[in-house]
Amino acid sequence: MAVIPRARRLPTRDELTVWRDFFETTETLRATLAARLQSDTGLSTGDYTVLLALSEAGGHRLRSSALAEAVGWERSRLSHHLGRMERRGLIRRENCTGDNRGQEAVLSPNGLTAFRAATVPHLTAVRELFVDALTPDQLIAAADIAAALREHLSASQRPSEAS
């Protein structure tokens, strides 16, 4: 017997209003944080994201495929971005230790210095633009909303089990 998919409902007008408010506000927040980071530190959000991942990695190095997964980027986007960061002296690329088939991105001393110098201004902007705008209860609600969305998106990307 064939399984008939459940009919999908379109969002209501009120649901679309909430969606637009959420989407437009988060995009404005993201753009404002990115502009502040760039003007305060000279780093893009992409630079900061890569530097953060490398600063947290053992030996300040990650295989390119692991770095792409850690930052949520496609490998081609990461490769182009790493090239720009390498030209600016923030990272270097080396053959993988013990496996010459892949490359590792390695945080350079200049990259570590830039990351450390950017952290306080960036976290100050996060506090001013996000944390200070919300009450403690709203912060908890925001965390709950983010967790629910993350779980829903993760579940929707898992292969469905055969019925």
N, C-alpha and C. Protein backbone atom coordinates (compact mmCIF):
# COMPACT_ATOMS: atom_id res chain seq x y z
N MET A 1 0.84 -1.17 0.00
CA MET A 1 0.00 0.00 0.00
C MET A 1 0.89 1.24 0.00
N ALA A 2 0.62 2.16 -0.89
CA ALA A 2 1.41 3.38 -1.01
C ALA A 2 1.09 4.34 0.13
N VAL A 3 2.15 4.99 0.64
CA VAL A 3 1.97 5.98 1.69
C VAL A 3 1.74 7.34 1.03
N ILE A 4 0.64 7.97 1.40
CA ILE A 4 0.31 9.29 0.84
C ILE A 4 0.88 10.34 1.78
N PRO A 5 1.72 11.23 1.25
CA PRO A 5 2.30 12.24 2.13
C PRO A 5 1.23 13.15 2.72
N ARG A 6 1.46 13.55 3.95
CA ARG A 6 0.54 14.46 4.63
C ARG A 6 0.51 15.78 3.86
N ALA A 7 -0.67 16.33 3.71
CA ALA A 7 -0.81 17.60 2.99
C ALA A 7 -0.04 18.68 3.75
N ARG A 8 0.69 19.50 3.01
CA ARG A 8 1.46 20.57 3.63
C ARG A 8 0.62 21.84 3.62
N ARG A 9 0.60 22.47 4.77
CA ARG A 9 -0.12 23.72 4.91
C ARG A 9 0.84 24.86 4.68
N LEU A 10 0.36 25.91 4.05
CA LEU A 10 1.15 27.13 3.92
C LEU A 10 1.04 27.92 5.21
N PRO A 11 2.05 28.74 5.52
CA PRO A 11 1.96 29.56 6.73
C PRO A 11 0.80 30.54 6.65
N THR A 12 0.23 30.83 7.79
CA THR A 12 -0.84 31.83 7.86
C THR A 12 -0.22 33.22 7.74
N ARG A 13 -1.05 34.22 7.58
CA ARG A 13 -0.58 35.60 7.50
C ARG A 13 0.18 35.97 8.77
N ASP A 14 -0.38 35.60 9.94
CA ASP A 14 0.30 35.91 11.20
C ASP A 14 1.64 35.19 11.32
N GLU A 15 1.68 33.92 10.89
CA GLU A 15 2.93 33.16 10.93
C GLU A 15 3.97 33.78 10.00
N LEU A 16 3.53 34.25 8.83
CA LEU A 16 4.45 34.91 7.91
C LEU A 16 4.96 36.23 8.47
N THR A 17 4.13 36.94 9.20
CA THR A 17 4.56 38.18 9.83
C THR A 17 5.66 37.89 10.85
N VAL A 18 5.46 36.87 11.68
CA VAL A 18 6.48 36.49 12.66
C VAL A 18 7.76 36.07 11.94
N TRP A 19 7.63 35.27 10.88
CA TRP A 19 8.80 34.82 10.13
C TRP A 19 9.58 36.00 9.57
N ARG A 20 8.89 36.93 8.93
CA ARG A 20 9.57 38.10 8.34
C ARG A 20 10.26 38.93 9.41
N ASP A 21 9.57 39.16 10.53
CA ASP A 21 10.19 39.91 11.62
C ASP A 21 11.45 39.21 12.12
N PHE A 22 11.36 37.91 12.32
CA PHE A 22 12.50 37.12 12.78
C PHE A 22 13.64 37.17 11.77
N PHE A 23 13.31 36.89 10.52
CA PHE A 23 14.32 36.83 9.46
C PHE A 23 15.00 38.19 9.26
N GLU A 24 14.20 39.24 9.12
CA GLU A 24 14.77 40.57 8.86
C GLU A 24 15.58 41.07 10.05
N THR A 25 15.14 40.79 11.26
CA THR A 25 15.88 41.23 12.44
C THR A 25 17.20 40.48 12.57
N THR A 26 17.18 39.17 12.35
CA THR A 26 18.44 38.43 12.46
C THR A 26 19.41 38.83 11.35
N GLU A 27 18.90 39.13 10.17
CA GLU A 27 19.78 39.59 9.09
C GLU A 27 20.38 40.96 9.42
N THR A 28 19.58 41.85 10.01
CA THR A 28 20.09 43.16 10.42
C THR A 28 21.14 42.99 11.52
N LEU A 29 20.86 42.13 12.49
CA LEU A 29 21.83 41.87 13.56
C LEU A 29 23.12 41.31 12.99
N ARG A 30 23.02 40.35 12.09
CA ARG A 30 24.20 39.74 11.48
C ARG A 30 25.01 40.79 10.71
N ALA A 31 24.35 41.61 9.93
CA ALA A 31 25.04 42.64 9.14
C ALA A 31 25.69 43.68 10.04
N THR A 32 25.00 44.07 11.11
CA THR A 32 25.55 45.06 12.03
C THR A 32 26.77 44.51 12.76
N LEU A 33 26.68 43.27 13.22
CA LEU A 33 27.84 42.63 13.87
C LEU A 33 29.02 42.50 12.90
N ALA A 34 28.73 42.14 11.66
CA ALA A 34 29.79 41.99 10.65
C ALA A 34 30.47 43.33 10.38
N ALA A 35 29.68 44.38 10.26
CA ALA A 35 30.25 45.71 10.00
C ALA A 35 31.10 46.18 11.18
N ARG A 36 30.62 45.93 12.41
CA ARG A 36 31.39 46.30 13.59
C ARG A 36 32.69 45.53 13.66
N LEU A 37 32.63 44.23 13.40
CA LEU A 37 33.84 43.40 13.44
C LEU A 37 34.85 43.92 12.42
N GLN A 38 34.39 44.19 11.22
CA GLN A 38 35.28 44.67 10.15
C GLN A 38 35.89 46.02 10.53
N SER A 39 35.07 46.95 11.01
CA SER A 39 35.60 48.28 11.31
C SER A 39 36.48 48.27 12.56
N ASP A 40 36.14 47.45 13.55
CA ASP A 40 36.91 47.41 14.79
C ASP A 40 38.22 46.64 14.67
N THR A 41 38.23 45.60 13.79
CA THR A 41 39.37 44.67 13.79
C THR A 41 39.99 44.43 12.43
N GLY A 42 39.29 44.79 11.36
CA GLY A 42 39.80 44.49 10.02
C GLY A 42 39.54 43.06 9.58
N LEU A 43 38.83 42.29 10.41
CA LEU A 43 38.50 40.90 10.06
C LEU A 43 37.06 40.81 9.60
N SER A 44 36.81 39.94 8.62
CA SER A 44 35.44 39.64 8.22
C SER A 44 34.90 38.58 9.18
N THR A 45 33.58 38.38 9.15
CA THR A 45 33.01 37.32 9.98
C THR A 45 33.53 35.95 9.54
N GLY A 46 33.79 35.79 8.25
CA GLY A 46 34.38 34.54 7.77
C GLY A 46 35.77 34.33 8.34
N ASP A 47 36.59 35.39 8.35
CA ASP A 47 37.92 35.30 8.95
C ASP A 47 37.81 34.88 10.41
N TYR A 48 36.94 35.57 11.14
CA TYR A 48 36.82 35.31 12.58
C TYR A 48 36.34 33.88 12.82
N THR A 49 35.39 33.42 12.03
CA THR A 49 34.86 32.06 12.17
C THR A 49 35.96 31.03 11.98
N VAL A 50 36.78 31.21 10.95
CA VAL A 50 37.88 30.27 10.68
C VAL A 50 38.92 30.35 11.79
N LEU A 51 39.29 31.57 12.19
CA LEU A 51 40.29 31.73 13.24
C LEU A 51 39.80 31.13 14.56
N LEU A 52 38.53 31.30 14.87
CA LEU A 52 37.96 30.71 16.08
C LEU A 52 38.09 29.19 16.04
N ALA A 53 37.68 28.58 14.94
CA ALA A 53 37.76 27.12 14.83
C ALA A 53 39.19 26.63 14.96
N LEU A 54 40.12 27.32 14.32
CA LEU A 54 41.53 26.90 14.40
C LEU A 54 42.10 27.15 15.80
N SER A 55 41.68 28.22 16.46
CA SER A 55 42.19 28.51 17.81
C SER A 55 41.74 27.44 18.80
N GLU A 56 40.59 26.81 18.55
CA GLU A 56 40.06 25.79 19.45
C GLU A 56 40.56 24.38 19.10
N ALA A 57 41.18 24.22 17.94
CA ALA A 57 41.63 22.91 17.48
C ALA A 57 42.97 22.54 18.13
N GLY A 58 43.17 21.27 18.31
CA GLY A 58 44.45 20.78 18.83
C GLY A 58 45.57 21.18 17.90
N GLY A 59 46.61 21.79 18.46
CA GLY A 59 47.74 22.23 17.64
C GLY A 59 47.41 23.38 16.73
N HIS A 60 46.24 23.98 16.92
CA HIS A 60 45.78 25.10 16.08
C HIS A 60 45.78 24.73 14.60
N ARG A 61 45.40 23.50 14.32
CA ARG A 61 45.36 23.02 12.94
C ARG A 61 44.19 22.08 12.75
N LEU A 62 43.62 22.13 11.56
CA LEU A 62 42.53 21.23 11.19
C LEU A 62 42.67 20.85 9.72
N ARG A 63 42.35 19.60 9.45
CA ARG A 63 42.25 19.16 8.07
C ARG A 63 41.16 20.01 7.39
N SER A 64 41.36 20.35 6.15
CA SER A 64 40.41 21.24 5.45
C SER A 64 38.99 20.71 5.49
N SER A 65 38.81 19.41 5.32
CA SER A 65 37.46 18.85 5.34
C SER A 65 36.83 19.00 6.72
N ALA A 66 37.60 18.82 7.78
CA ALA A 66 37.08 18.97 9.14
C ALA A 66 36.78 20.44 9.43
N LEU A 67 37.61 21.34 8.92
CA LEU A 67 37.38 22.76 9.11
C LEU A 67 36.10 23.20 8.39
N ALA A 68 35.91 22.70 7.17
CA ALA A 68 34.69 23.03 6.41
C ALA A 68 33.46 22.59 7.18
N GLU A 69 33.51 21.41 7.75
CA GLU A 69 32.38 20.91 8.54
C GLU A 69 32.20 21.75 9.81
N ALA A 70 33.29 22.10 10.46
CA ALA A 70 33.22 22.87 11.72
C ALA A 70 32.59 24.25 11.51
N VAL A 71 32.88 24.87 10.38
CA VAL A 71 32.34 26.22 10.14
C VAL A 71 31.06 26.20 9.29
N GLY A 72 30.67 25.02 8.80
CA GLY A 72 29.43 24.88 8.05
C GLY A 72 29.51 25.42 6.64
N TRP A 73 30.67 25.34 6.02
CA TRP A 73 30.86 25.84 4.66
C TRP A 73 31.12 24.68 3.71
N GLU A 74 30.85 24.93 2.44
CA GLU A 74 31.24 23.98 1.41
C GLU A 74 32.76 24.08 1.24
N ARG A 75 33.36 22.99 0.83
CA ARG A 75 34.82 22.96 0.74
C ARG A 75 35.38 23.96 -0.26
N SER A 76 34.67 24.21 -1.36
CA SER A 76 35.19 25.17 -2.34
C SER A 76 35.18 26.59 -1.77
N ARG A 77 34.13 26.95 -1.05
CA ARG A 77 34.09 28.27 -0.42
C ARG A 77 35.23 28.41 0.58
N LEU A 78 35.44 27.37 1.39
CA LEU A 78 36.51 27.41 2.38
C LEU A 78 37.87 27.54 1.70
N SER A 79 38.09 26.80 0.64
CA SER A 79 39.36 26.83 -0.06
C SER A 79 39.69 28.24 -0.55
N HIS A 80 38.71 28.90 -1.14
CA HIS A 80 38.92 30.27 -1.63
C HIS A 80 39.20 31.22 -0.46
N HIS A 81 38.45 31.05 0.61
CA HIS A 81 38.63 31.94 1.77
C HIS A 81 40.00 31.70 2.41
N LEU A 82 40.40 30.45 2.53
CA LEU A 82 41.72 30.15 3.10
C LEU A 82 42.83 30.76 2.25
N GLY A 83 42.65 30.77 0.94
CA GLY A 83 43.65 31.38 0.07
C GLY A 83 43.82 32.86 0.38
N ARG A 84 42.69 33.55 0.59
CA ARG A 84 42.77 34.98 0.93
C ARG A 84 43.40 35.17 2.31
N MET A 85 43.05 34.32 3.25
CA MET A 85 43.62 34.43 4.60
C MET A 85 45.11 34.11 4.59
N GLU A 86 45.50 33.16 3.76
CA GLU A 86 46.92 32.80 3.66
C GLU A 86 47.73 33.96 3.08
N ARG A 87 47.20 34.63 2.06
CA ARG A 87 47.90 35.78 1.47
C ARG A 87 48.07 36.91 2.49
N ARG A 88 47.15 37.00 3.44
CA ARG A 88 47.23 38.04 4.48
C ARG A 88 48.03 37.58 5.69
N GLY A 89 48.54 36.35 5.66
CA GLY A 89 49.39 35.85 6.74
C GLY A 89 48.64 35.39 7.98
N LEU A 90 47.32 35.15 7.86
CA LEU A 90 46.54 34.72 9.02
C LEU A 90 46.62 33.22 9.25
N ILE A 91 46.77 32.47 8.19
CA ILE A 91 46.88 31.01 8.27
C ILE A 91 47.94 30.56 7.27
N ARG A 92 48.33 29.31 7.38
CA ARG A 92 49.12 28.69 6.32
C ARG A 92 48.52 27.31 6.08
N ARG A 93 48.77 26.79 4.89
CA ARG A 93 48.28 25.46 4.56
C ARG A 93 49.46 24.53 4.43
N GLU A 94 49.31 23.35 5.02
CA GLU A 94 50.36 22.35 4.99
C GLU A 94 49.74 21.01 4.63
N ASN A 95 50.60 20.13 4.08
CA ASN A 95 50.14 18.76 3.86
C ASN A 95 49.81 18.14 5.20
N CYS A 96 48.81 17.26 5.21
CA CYS A 96 48.41 16.60 6.45
C CYS A 96 49.56 15.76 6.98
N THR A 97 49.75 15.84 8.28
CA THR A 97 50.78 15.01 8.90
C THR A 97 50.35 13.56 8.83
N GLY A 98 51.21 12.71 8.30
CA GLY A 98 50.91 11.29 8.19
C GLY A 98 50.02 10.92 7.01
N ASP A 99 49.56 11.89 6.23
CA ASP A 99 48.68 11.61 5.10
C ASP A 99 48.82 12.75 4.10
N ASN A 100 49.61 12.55 3.06
CA ASN A 100 49.89 13.62 2.11
C ASN A 100 48.76 13.87 1.11
N ARG A 101 47.63 13.16 1.29
CA ARG A 101 46.53 13.35 0.34
C ARG A 101 45.71 14.59 0.63
N GLY A 102 45.74 15.09 1.84
CA GLY A 102 44.93 16.24 2.19
C GLY A 102 45.77 17.38 2.71
N GLN A 103 45.10 18.49 2.98
CA GLN A 103 45.78 19.65 3.54
C GLN A 103 45.16 20.03 4.87
N GLU A 104 45.99 20.65 5.70
CA GLU A 104 45.53 21.19 6.96
C GLU A 104 45.68 22.71 6.92
N ALA A 105 44.72 23.39 7.52
CA ALA A 105 44.85 24.82 7.73
C ALA A 105 45.48 24.98 9.11
N VAL A 106 46.48 25.83 9.18
CA VAL A 106 47.22 26.02 10.42
C VAL A 106 47.16 27.50 10.79
N LEU A 107 46.79 27.77 12.02
CA LEU A 107 46.73 29.14 12.51
C LEU A 107 48.16 29.68 12.64
N SER A 108 48.44 30.79 11.97
CA SER A 108 49.78 31.38 12.03
C SER A 108 49.89 32.25 13.30
N PRO A 109 51.10 32.59 13.71
CA PRO A 109 51.24 33.52 14.84
C PRO A 109 50.51 34.85 14.59
N ASN A 110 50.58 35.37 13.35
CA ASN A 110 49.85 36.60 13.03
C ASN A 110 48.34 36.40 13.13
N GLY A 111 47.87 35.23 12.73
CA GLY A 111 46.44 34.92 12.81
C GLY A 111 45.99 34.82 14.26
N LEU A 112 46.80 34.20 15.10
CA LEU A 112 46.46 34.10 16.52
C LEU A 112 46.42 35.47 17.16
N THR A 113 47.38 36.32 16.82
CA THR A 113 47.40 37.69 17.35
C THR A 113 46.16 38.45 16.89
N ALA A 114 45.81 38.33 15.61
CA ALA A 114 44.63 39.03 15.08
C ALA A 114 43.36 38.52 15.74
N PHE A 115 43.26 37.21 15.94
CA PHE A 115 42.09 36.62 16.58
C PHE A 115 41.96 37.13 18.01
N ARG A 116 43.05 37.08 18.75
CA ARG A 116 43.01 37.54 20.15
C ARG A 116 42.65 39.02 20.23
N ALA A 117 43.19 39.83 19.31
CA ALA A 117 42.89 41.26 19.31
C ALA A 117 41.43 41.53 18.95
N ALA A 118 40.84 40.65 18.17
CA ALA A 118 39.45 40.84 17.72
C ALA A 118 38.42 40.34 18.73
N THR A 119 38.82 39.45 19.61
CA THR A 119 37.85 38.79 20.49
C THR A 119 37.12 39.77 21.41
N VAL A 120 37.82 40.63 22.11
CA VAL A 120 37.14 41.54 23.04
C VAL A 120 36.22 42.51 22.29
N PRO A 121 36.68 43.17 21.22
CA PRO A 121 35.73 44.04 20.50
C PRO A 121 34.51 43.29 19.96
N HIS A 122 34.72 42.08 19.48
CA HIS A 122 33.60 41.31 18.93
C HIS A 122 32.62 40.92 20.03
N LEU A 123 33.14 40.41 21.15
CA LEU A 123 32.26 40.01 22.24
C LEU A 123 31.56 41.22 22.87
N THR A 124 32.22 42.37 22.87
CA THR A 124 31.58 43.60 23.34
C THR A 124 30.40 43.95 22.44
N ALA A 125 30.57 43.83 21.13
CA ALA A 125 29.48 44.09 20.20
C ALA A 125 28.34 43.09 20.39
N VAL A 126 28.67 41.82 20.61
CA VAL A 126 27.63 40.81 20.86
C VAL A 126 26.83 41.20 22.10
N ARG A 127 27.52 41.62 23.15
CA ARG A 127 26.82 42.03 24.37
C ARG A 127 25.92 43.23 24.09
N GLU A 128 26.47 44.26 23.45
CA GLU A 128 25.72 45.50 23.22
C GLU A 128 24.53 45.29 22.29
N LEU A 129 24.72 44.53 21.22
CA LEU A 129 23.69 44.41 20.18
C LEU A 129 22.70 43.28 20.41
N PHE A 130 23.09 42.26 21.18
CA PHE A 130 22.22 41.10 21.38
C PHE A 130 21.85 40.92 22.85
N VAL A 131 22.84 40.64 23.68
CA VAL A 131 22.56 40.31 25.08
C VAL A 131 21.85 41.44 25.80
N ASP A 132 22.34 42.68 25.67
CA ASP A 132 21.75 43.80 26.39
C ASP A 132 20.36 44.17 25.90
N ALA A 133 19.98 43.71 24.72
CA ALA A 133 18.65 44.01 24.17
C ALA A 133 17.57 43.11 24.76
N LEU A 134 17.98 42.04 25.43
CA LEU A 134 17.03 41.03 25.90
C LEU A 134 17.04 40.91 27.42
N THR A 135 15.90 40.53 27.97
CA THR A 135 15.84 40.23 29.40
C THR A 135 16.40 38.82 29.61
N PRO A 136 16.71 38.45 30.86
CA PRO A 136 17.16 37.07 31.10
C PRO A 136 16.16 36.02 30.60
N ASP A 137 14.87 36.26 30.78
CA ASP A 137 13.86 35.31 30.29
C ASP A 137 13.86 35.24 28.77
N GLN A 138 14.05 36.37 28.11
CA GLN A 138 14.11 36.38 26.64
C GLN A 138 15.35 35.65 26.14
N LEU A 139 16.46 35.77 26.85
CA LEU A 139 17.67 35.02 26.46
C LEU A 139 17.42 33.52 26.55
N ILE A 140 16.74 33.10 27.61
CA ILE A 140 16.41 31.67 27.75
C ILE A 140 15.48 31.25 26.61
N ALA A 141 14.49 32.08 26.30
CA ALA A 141 13.57 31.76 25.19
C ALA A 141 14.33 31.71 23.86
N ALA A 142 15.27 32.63 23.65
CA ALA A 142 16.06 32.63 22.42
C ALA A 142 16.88 31.35 22.31
N ALA A 143 17.44 30.91 23.43
CA ALA A 143 18.20 29.64 23.43
C ALA A 143 17.29 28.47 23.11
N ASP A 144 16.09 28.47 23.68
CA ASP A 144 15.12 27.40 23.41
C ASP A 144 14.71 27.39 21.94
N ILE A 145 14.47 28.57 21.39
CA ILE A 145 14.08 28.69 19.98
C ILE A 145 15.20 28.19 19.08
N ALA A 146 16.43 28.62 19.36
CA ALA A 146 17.57 28.18 18.55
C ALA A 146 17.72 26.66 18.62
N ALA A 147 17.58 26.09 19.81
CA ALA A 147 17.71 24.63 19.96
C ALA A 147 16.61 23.90 19.20
N ALA A 148 15.39 24.41 19.27
CA ALA A 148 14.27 23.77 18.56
C ALA A 148 14.49 23.83 17.05
N LEU A 149 14.94 24.99 16.55
CA LEU A 149 15.19 25.12 15.11
C LEU A 149 16.34 24.20 14.67
N ARG A 150 17.41 24.17 15.47
CA ARG A 150 18.56 23.32 15.14
C ARG A 150 18.14 21.85 15.08
N GLU A 151 17.35 21.40 16.06
CA GLU A 151 16.88 20.02 16.10
C GLU A 151 15.96 19.72 14.91
N HIS A 152 15.07 20.64 14.60
CA HIS A 152 14.15 20.45 13.47
C HIS A 152 14.93 20.37 12.16
N LEU A 153 15.89 21.26 11.97
CA LEU A 153 16.69 21.25 10.74
C LEU A 153 17.54 20.00 10.66
N SER A 154 18.09 19.58 11.78
CA SER A 154 18.90 18.36 11.81
C SER A 154 18.04 17.15 11.46
N ALA A 155 16.86 17.08 12.04
CA ALA A 155 15.96 15.95 11.76
C ALA A 155 15.52 15.94 10.31
N SER A 156 15.31 17.13 9.72
CA SER A 156 14.85 17.17 8.33
C SER A 156 15.95 16.76 7.36
N GLN A 157 17.21 16.78 7.81
CA GLN A 157 18.33 16.40 6.94
C GLN A 157 18.70 14.93 7.09
N ARG A 158 18.17 14.27 8.11
CA ARG A 158 18.43 12.84 8.29
C ARG A 158 17.61 12.04 7.29
N PRO A 159 18.16 10.97 6.78
CA PRO A 159 17.37 10.13 5.89
C PRO A 159 16.19 9.53 6.67
N SER A 160 15.03 9.56 6.04
CA SER A 160 13.85 9.00 6.73
C SER A 160 13.93 7.48 6.71
N GLU A 161 13.38 6.89 7.77
CA GLU A 161 13.38 5.44 7.86
C GLU A 161 12.30 4.88 6.96
N ALA A 162 12.55 3.73 6.40
CA ALA A 162 11.57 3.08 5.52
C ALA A 162 10.37 2.65 6.35
N SER A 163 9.18 2.89 5.81
CA SER A 163 7.96 2.52 6.53
C SER A 163 7.49 1.17 6.11
